[in-house]
Amino acid sequence: MILVAAEHRDGRLNRATLETLSAALGRAGHDGVGVAVLGAGAVVRDIAATAGVREVFAVEHEALAVYTADGFATALAAVVEQARPSHVFLPHTYQTRDFAPLVAARLRRPLVTDVTAIAGEGANLTFTRPMFQGKLAAEVRPLGEAPCFVTCQVGAFAPEVAASGGSARVTKVSVTIDPGTIRQRPEVAFQETKQAVDLSQAERIVAVGRGIRSEDQLPIARKLAAALGAELAASRPICDNGWLPMDRQVGSSGQTVTPKLYVALGISGAIQHLVGMKGSRTIVAINKDADAPIFEVADYGIVGDLFDIVPALIAELDTPRT
């Protein structure tokens, strides 16, 4: 069994958990998927109704009402001991990065972080993760006793695989947590600023790279984005130059996205950028360089000057349909 540690807030699962659940469902095979809900609530019913989930392990304790690393580590360790999974999948969020290493160290089990791809099925899995700020990708096959702990990079797996229609068994797990063992004092949960753009939620994205030439040329990309109903994004050089805010950056040092449509304008396709967008469902690349790496991951490629091609696309999109 692959066990997924769900992350939730205010009675709702976050998108990263749904992505992680999809990753587990796609690789569990006949072993099935279990889900651990720490500080159980209404989300238990939602998870139990997810197709492919075999069992939901609900852990309720007053010490889990507010997140602490010590409390959650103790609770997850108790679920692992009862479920005995081959792997434990978690979303690679701020919260997970805080307590997952503690659980893995306490149980003396391997931990593979920031995973972007998974090969194999069941207990025999190989994980791909970026190294050296996305310049290299390592394939990792952990050794030692099960379970191996794995955190899945946000945006690397599409959440659509997790569909409704299931009827999983709900098992309540009792856990003893001594308040004196909790060393953290909870504060207000971290939230992104209201001005920040969450590109991971966008269904369509138009991204610009060096080929846009100058900040004065950005309106053409904005017009295409408006015609498509898309968010505007960029590669790192554009944001480093201050042409667009940093929260618009896609890549290893920016946001990871998996939209239904990703249009790359004048982006060559450096590995740091590809890490952030190669999981998009449909990728359209426009670039003058026929040998640009972006074409290796693109579903549709147009070799040509974006300043000739994009206006034609906008005109076509703006033409009324009869």
Protein backbone atom coordinates (compact mmCIF):
# COMPACT_ATOMS: atom_id res chain seq x y z
CA MET A 1 0.00 0.00 0.00
CA ILE A 2 1.04 3.58 -0.68
CA LEU A 3 0.00 5.85 2.18
CA VAL A 4 -0.75 9.50 1.40
CA ALA A 5 -0.57 12.04 4.22
CA ALA A 6 -3.32 14.54 3.46
CA GLU A 7 -2.94 18.23 4.20
CA HIS A 8 -6.08 20.21 4.88
CA ARG A 9 -7.22 23.51 6.28
CA ASP A 10 -10.67 24.82 7.20
CA GLY A 11 -12.31 21.55 6.18
CA ARG A 12 -10.80 21.46 2.69
CA LEU A 13 -7.98 19.52 1.10
CA ASN A 14 -5.36 21.66 -0.58
CA ARG A 15 -4.59 21.17 -4.26
CA ALA A 16 -1.13 19.80 -3.47
CA THR A 17 -2.71 16.90 -1.61
CA LEU A 18 -4.93 16.07 -4.59
CA GLU A 19 -1.85 16.09 -6.83
CA THR A 20 -0.01 13.78 -4.44
CA LEU A 21 -3.01 11.49 -4.24
CA SER A 22 -3.07 11.32 -8.05
CA ALA A 23 0.62 10.39 -8.07
CA ALA A 24 -0.07 7.57 -5.61
CA LEU A 25 -3.12 6.29 -7.47
CA GLY A 26 -1.13 6.17 -10.68
CA ARG A 27 1.62 4.01 -9.17
CA ALA A 28 0.00 1.91 -6.43
CA GLY A 29 -1.05 -0.95 -8.72
CA HIS A 30 -2.77 -3.81 -6.88
CA ASP A 31 -1.36 -2.63 -3.54
CA GLY A 32 -3.92 0.15 -3.30
CA VAL A 33 -3.79 3.58 -1.65
CA GLY A 34 -4.48 4.58 1.92
CA VAL A 35 -4.82 8.15 3.17
CA ALA A 36 -3.85 9.46 6.60
CA VAL A 37 -5.85 12.44 7.84
CA LEU A 38 -4.23 14.04 10.87
CA GLY A 39 -6.63 16.15 12.87
CA ALA A 40 -9.54 14.48 11.11
CA GLY A 41 -12.57 16.45 10.05
CA ALA A 42 -15.04 16.77 7.20
CA VAL A 43 -12.35 15.95 4.64
CA VAL A 44 -12.47 12.30 5.73
CA ARG A 45 -15.78 11.83 3.91
CA ASP A 46 -14.44 13.49 0.76
CA ILE A 47 -11.35 11.29 0.69
CA ALA A 48 -13.35 8.13 1.39
CA ALA A 49 -15.45 8.92 -1.69
CA THR A 50 -12.37 9.14 -3.94
CA ALA A 51 -12.10 6.32 -6.45
CA GLY A 52 -9.09 4.10 -5.85
CA VAL A 53 -8.66 4.89 -2.16
CA ARG A 54 -8.84 1.66 -0.17
CA GLU A 55 -8.74 2.96 3.39
CA VAL A 56 -8.74 6.29 5.23
CA PHE A 57 -6.87 6.45 8.54
CA ALA A 58 -8.47 9.18 10.66
CA VAL A 59 -6.47 10.48 13.63
CA GLU A 60 -8.23 12.81 16.07
CA HIS A 61 -6.53 14.31 19.08
CA GLU A 62 -6.71 17.71 20.75
CA ALA A 63 -2.98 18.14 20.14
CA LEU A 64 -3.65 17.99 16.38
CA ALA A 65 -6.21 20.80 16.32
CA VAL A 66 -3.39 23.18 15.37
CA TYR A 67 -0.34 22.06 13.41
CA THR A 68 2.92 21.37 15.24
CA ALA A 69 5.81 19.33 13.90
CA ASP A 70 6.06 17.17 17.03
CA GLY A 71 2.33 16.46 17.15
CA PHE A 72 1.97 15.60 13.48
CA ALA A 73 5.15 13.52 13.45
CA THR A 74 3.87 11.41 16.34
CA ALA A 75 0.46 10.97 14.70
CA LEU A 76 1.84 10.01 11.29
CA ALA A 77 4.29 7.55 12.86
CA ALA A 78 1.33 5.85 14.55
CA VAL A 79 -0.52 5.52 11.24
CA VAL A 80 2.58 4.13 9.52
CA GLU A 81 2.97 1.53 12.26
CA GLN A 82 -0.63 0.39 11.81
CA ALA A 83 -0.88 0.60 8.00
CA ARG A 84 2.63 -0.73 7.21
CA PRO A 85 2.80 0.89 3.74
CA SER A 86 5.54 0.43 1.17
CA HIS A 87 5.77 4.22 0.68
CA VAL A 88 4.43 7.35 2.34
CA PHE A 89 3.64 10.17 -0.11
CA LEU A 90 3.29 13.77 1.08
CA PRO A 91 2.86 17.07 -0.79
CA HIS A 92 6.08 19.12 -0.81
CA THR A 93 4.62 22.06 1.12
CA TYR A 94 5.96 24.30 3.87
CA GLN A 95 4.23 22.11 6.45
CA THR A 96 5.54 18.83 5.10
CA ARG A 97 9.08 20.15 4.81
CA ASP A 98 8.81 20.95 8.51
CA PHE A 99 7.73 17.58 9.90
CA ALA A 100 8.41 14.86 7.28
CA PRO A 101 12.19 14.74 7.98
CA LEU A 102 11.37 14.32 11.68
CA VAL A 103 9.14 11.30 11.02
CA ALA A 104 11.63 9.71 8.63
CA ALA A 105 14.50 10.20 11.08
CA ARG A 106 12.45 8.90 14.01
CA LEU A 107 11.56 5.72 12.09
CA ARG A 108 15.02 5.51 10.48
CA ARG A 109 13.61 5.38 6.98
CA PRO A 110 14.75 7.06 3.72
CA LEU A 111 13.26 10.35 2.57
CA VAL A 112 13.17 11.49 -1.09
CA THR A 113 12.07 15.10 -1.49
CA ASP A 114 10.68 17.35 -4.24
CA VAL A 115 9.85 14.48 -6.61
CA THR A 116 8.74 15.47 -10.11
CA ALA A 117 8.22 12.06 -11.73
CA ILE A 118 7.75 8.44 -10.67
CA ALA A 119 8.48 5.24 -12.61
CA GLY A 120 7.49 1.68 -11.78
CA GLU A 121 4.55 0.28 -9.85
CA GLY A 122 3.73 -0.95 -6.39
CA ALA A 123 6.71 -1.40 -4.08
CA ASN A 124 9.33 -1.00 -6.83
CA LEU A 125 9.39 2.70 -7.60
CA THR A 126 12.07 5.02 -8.95
CA PHE A 127 11.80 8.74 -8.27
CA THR A 128 13.05 11.73 -10.27
CA ARG A 129 13.99 14.89 -8.41
CA PRO A 130 15.82 18.09 -9.40
CA MET A 131 19.33 18.82 -8.16
CA PHE A 132 21.57 21.90 -8.23
CA GLN A 133 18.60 24.28 -8.65
CA GLY A 134 17.13 22.24 -11.47
CA LYS A 135 20.29 22.00 -13.57
CA LEU A 136 20.27 18.20 -13.20
CA ALA A 137 17.59 15.58 -12.59
CA ALA A 138 18.48 12.59 -10.41
CA GLU A 139 16.77 9.19 -10.56
CA VAL A 140 16.58 7.78 -7.06
CA ARG A 141 15.72 4.24 -5.96
CA PRO A 142 15.77 4.16 -2.14
CA LEU A 143 17.30 1.27 -0.23
CA GLY A 144 16.46 -0.15 3.17
CA GLU A 145 13.32 -1.15 4.97
CA ALA A 146 9.90 0.12 3.96
CA PRO A 147 8.36 2.58 4.06
CA CYS A 148 10.22 5.21 2.07
CA PHE A 149 8.95 8.76 2.61
CA VAL A 150 8.41 10.78 -0.58
CA THR A 151 7.39 14.41 -1.04
CA CYS A 152 5.84 15.36 -4.39
CA GLN A 153 6.66 18.73 -5.94
CA VAL A 154 3.66 21.03 -6.14
CA GLY A 155 2.39 21.18 -9.71
CA ALA A 156 4.32 18.14 -10.91
CA PHE A 157 1.30 15.82 -10.98
CA ALA A 158 -2.14 16.58 -12.40
CA PRO A 159 -4.94 16.26 -9.81
CA GLU A 160 -7.56 15.12 -12.34
CA VAL A 161 -6.63 11.46 -11.78
CA ALA A 162 -8.28 11.62 -8.35
CA ALA A 163 -11.94 11.10 -9.28
CA SER A 164 -15.02 10.55 -7.13
CA GLY A 165 -17.01 7.35 -6.87
CA GLY A 166 -15.17 5.43 -4.16
CA SER A 167 -16.30 3.98 -0.85
CA ALA A 168 -13.18 3.49 1.23
CA ARG A 169 -13.18 2.04 4.71
CA VAL A 170 -12.59 4.62 7.46
CA THR A 171 -10.35 3.43 10.30
CA LYS A 172 -9.91 5.52 13.43
CA VAL A 173 -6.35 5.46 14.74
CA SER A 174 -5.81 6.17 18.41
CA VAL A 175 -2.63 7.98 19.33
CA THR A 176 -1.12 9.14 22.60
CA ILE A 177 0.47 12.58 22.45
CA ASP A 178 1.93 14.04 25.63
CA PRO A 179 1.50 17.84 25.45
CA GLY A 180 4.85 18.13 27.23
CA THR A 181 6.62 16.59 24.23
CA ILE A 182 5.44 19.31 21.84
CA ARG A 183 8.23 21.84 21.59
CA GLN A 184 6.61 24.27 19.16
CA ARG A 185 4.25 27.12 19.88
CA PRO A 186 1.74 27.45 16.99
CA GLU A 187 1.36 30.82 15.30
CA VAL A 188 -0.93 32.04 12.55
CA ALA A 189 -0.61 29.77 9.51
CA PHE A 190 1.52 31.11 6.66
CA GLN A 191 -0.41 32.61 3.75
CA GLU A 192 0.75 34.09 0.48
CA THR A 193 0.21 37.81 0.13
CA LYS A 194 -3.00 38.80 -1.58
CA GLN A 195 -1.06 40.39 -4.41
CA ALA A 196 0.77 37.15 -5.26
CA VAL A 197 -0.39 35.21 -8.30
CA ASP A 198 -0.97 31.50 -7.84
CA LEU A 199 -0.12 30.27 -11.32
CA SER A 200 -0.54 26.65 -10.20
CA GLN A 201 -4.32 27.23 -10.28
CA ALA A 202 -4.38 28.64 -13.83
CA GLU A 203 -5.91 26.50 -16.58
CA ARG A 204 -4.21 28.51 -19.34
CA ILE A 205 -0.87 30.35 -19.26
CA VAL A 206 0.95 32.54 -21.78
CA ALA A 207 4.63 32.79 -20.83
CA VAL A 208 7.26 35.11 -22.31
CA GLY A 209 11.04 34.76 -22.53
CA ARG A 210 14.01 36.68 -23.91
CA GLY A 211 12.46 36.61 -27.38
CA ILE A 212 10.04 39.34 -26.31
CA ARG A 213 13.11 41.66 -26.65
CA SER A 214 12.01 44.49 -24.35
CA GLU A 215 9.47 45.47 -21.73
CA ASP A 216 7.75 47.68 -24.29
CA GLN A 217 6.77 44.55 -26.26
CA LEU A 218 4.89 42.90 -23.37
CA PRO A 219 1.46 44.25 -24.47
CA ILE A 220 1.41 41.77 -27.37
CA ALA A 221 1.73 38.89 -24.89
CA ARG A 222 -0.92 40.44 -22.66
CA LYS A 223 -3.31 40.67 -25.62
CA LEU A 224 -2.82 37.00 -26.42
CA ALA A 225 -3.34 36.08 -22.77
CA ALA A 226 -6.56 38.12 -22.69
CA ALA A 227 -7.81 36.48 -25.90
CA LEU A 228 -7.18 33.03 -24.41
CA GLY A 229 -8.46 33.88 -20.94
CA ALA A 230 -4.98 33.02 -19.65
CA GLU A 231 -2.57 34.22 -16.97
CA LEU A 232 0.62 35.95 -18.06
CA ALA A 233 3.88 34.36 -16.86
CA ALA A 234 7.56 34.54 -17.70
CA SER A 235 10.94 32.87 -17.58
CA ARG A 236 13.48 34.03 -15.01
CA PRO A 237 15.35 36.64 -17.12
CA ILE A 238 12.13 38.60 -17.65
CA CYS A 239 11.45 38.77 -13.91
CA ASP A 240 15.11 39.44 -13.06
CA ASN A 241 14.96 42.48 -15.38
CA GLY A 242 11.88 43.71 -13.54
CA TRP A 243 9.64 43.54 -16.60
CA LEU A 244 7.17 41.36 -14.70
CA PRO A 245 6.81 40.69 -10.93
CA MET A 246 8.65 37.71 -9.46
CA ASP A 247 5.35 35.99 -8.68
CA ARG A 248 4.92 35.57 -12.46
CA GLN A 249 8.07 33.46 -12.81
CA VAL A 250 7.79 29.80 -13.86
CA GLY A 251 10.69 27.46 -13.22
CA SER A 252 12.85 25.80 -10.59
CA SER A 253 13.24 29.08 -8.68
CA GLY A 254 9.67 30.19 -9.43
CA GLN A 255 6.32 28.43 -9.62
CA THR A 256 5.63 24.94 -10.93
CA VAL A 257 2.53 24.82 -13.12
CA THR A 258 0.39 22.19 -14.83
CA PRO A 259 -2.21 24.12 -16.87
CA LYS A 260 -4.34 22.62 -19.61
CA LEU A 261 -2.63 25.00 -22.07
CA TYR A 262 0.84 26.53 -21.84
CA VAL A 263 1.92 28.92 -24.62
CA ALA A 264 5.65 29.72 -24.60
CA LEU A 265 6.60 32.90 -26.49
CA GLY A 266 10.29 33.35 -27.24
CA ILE A 267 11.35 30.91 -24.52
CA SER A 268 14.37 28.80 -25.43
CA GLY A 269 13.66 26.11 -22.86
CA ALA A 270 16.47 26.10 -20.30
CA ILE A 271 16.20 23.16 -17.91
CA GLN A 272 15.37 25.51 -15.02
CA HIS A 273 12.27 26.66 -16.90
CA LEU A 274 11.27 23.22 -18.18
CA VAL A 275 11.21 21.88 -14.63
CA GLY A 276 8.42 24.32 -13.85
CA MET A 277 6.13 23.75 -16.86
CA LYS A 278 6.79 20.40 -18.56
CA GLY A 279 3.83 18.84 -16.74
CA SER A 280 1.41 21.06 -18.70
CA ARG A 281 -1.23 19.10 -20.59
CA THR A 282 -0.70 20.89 -23.92
CA ILE A 283 2.41 22.96 -24.67
CA VAL A 284 2.59 25.35 -27.63
CA ALA A 285 6.00 26.87 -28.36
CA ILE A 286 6.78 29.81 -30.66
CA ASN A 287 10.46 30.47 -31.27
CA LYS A 288 12.72 31.57 -34.14
CA ASP A 289 15.34 28.95 -33.26
CA ALA A 290 14.30 25.58 -34.67
CA ASP A 291 16.82 23.89 -32.36
CA ALA A 292 15.50 25.47 -29.15
CA PRO A 293 15.11 22.88 -26.34
CA ILE A 294 11.51 24.03 -25.77
CA PHE A 295 10.47 22.13 -28.89
CA GLU A 296 11.56 18.85 -27.27
CA VAL A 297 8.69 19.08 -24.76
CA ALA A 298 6.18 20.99 -26.93
CA ASP A 299 3.07 19.31 -28.31
CA TYR A 300 2.86 21.97 -31.03
CA GLY A 301 5.78 24.04 -32.25
CA ILE A 302 5.88 27.07 -34.51
CA VAL A 303 9.28 28.14 -35.85
CA GLY A 304 9.08 31.83 -36.62
CA ASP A 305 9.06 35.40 -35.30
CA LEU A 306 6.53 35.74 -32.48
CA PHE A 307 5.87 39.33 -33.59
CA ASP A 308 4.48 37.95 -36.87
CA ILE A 309 2.71 34.91 -35.43
CA VAL A 310 1.10 36.23 -32.25
CA PRO A 311 -0.88 39.07 -33.93
CA ALA A 312 -2.28 36.50 -36.39
CA LEU A 313 -3.32 34.27 -33.48
CA ILE A 314 -4.97 37.18 -31.68
CA ALA A 315 -6.86 38.17 -34.82
CA GLU A 316 -8.09 34.62 -35.27
CA LEU A 317 -9.15 34.32 -31.63
CA ASP A 318 -10.98 37.66 -31.77
CA THR A 319 -12.87 36.76 -34.95
CA PRO A 320 -16.56 36.22 -34.13
CA ARG A 321 -17.77 32.65 -34.70
CA THR A 322 -21.05 32.06 -36.52
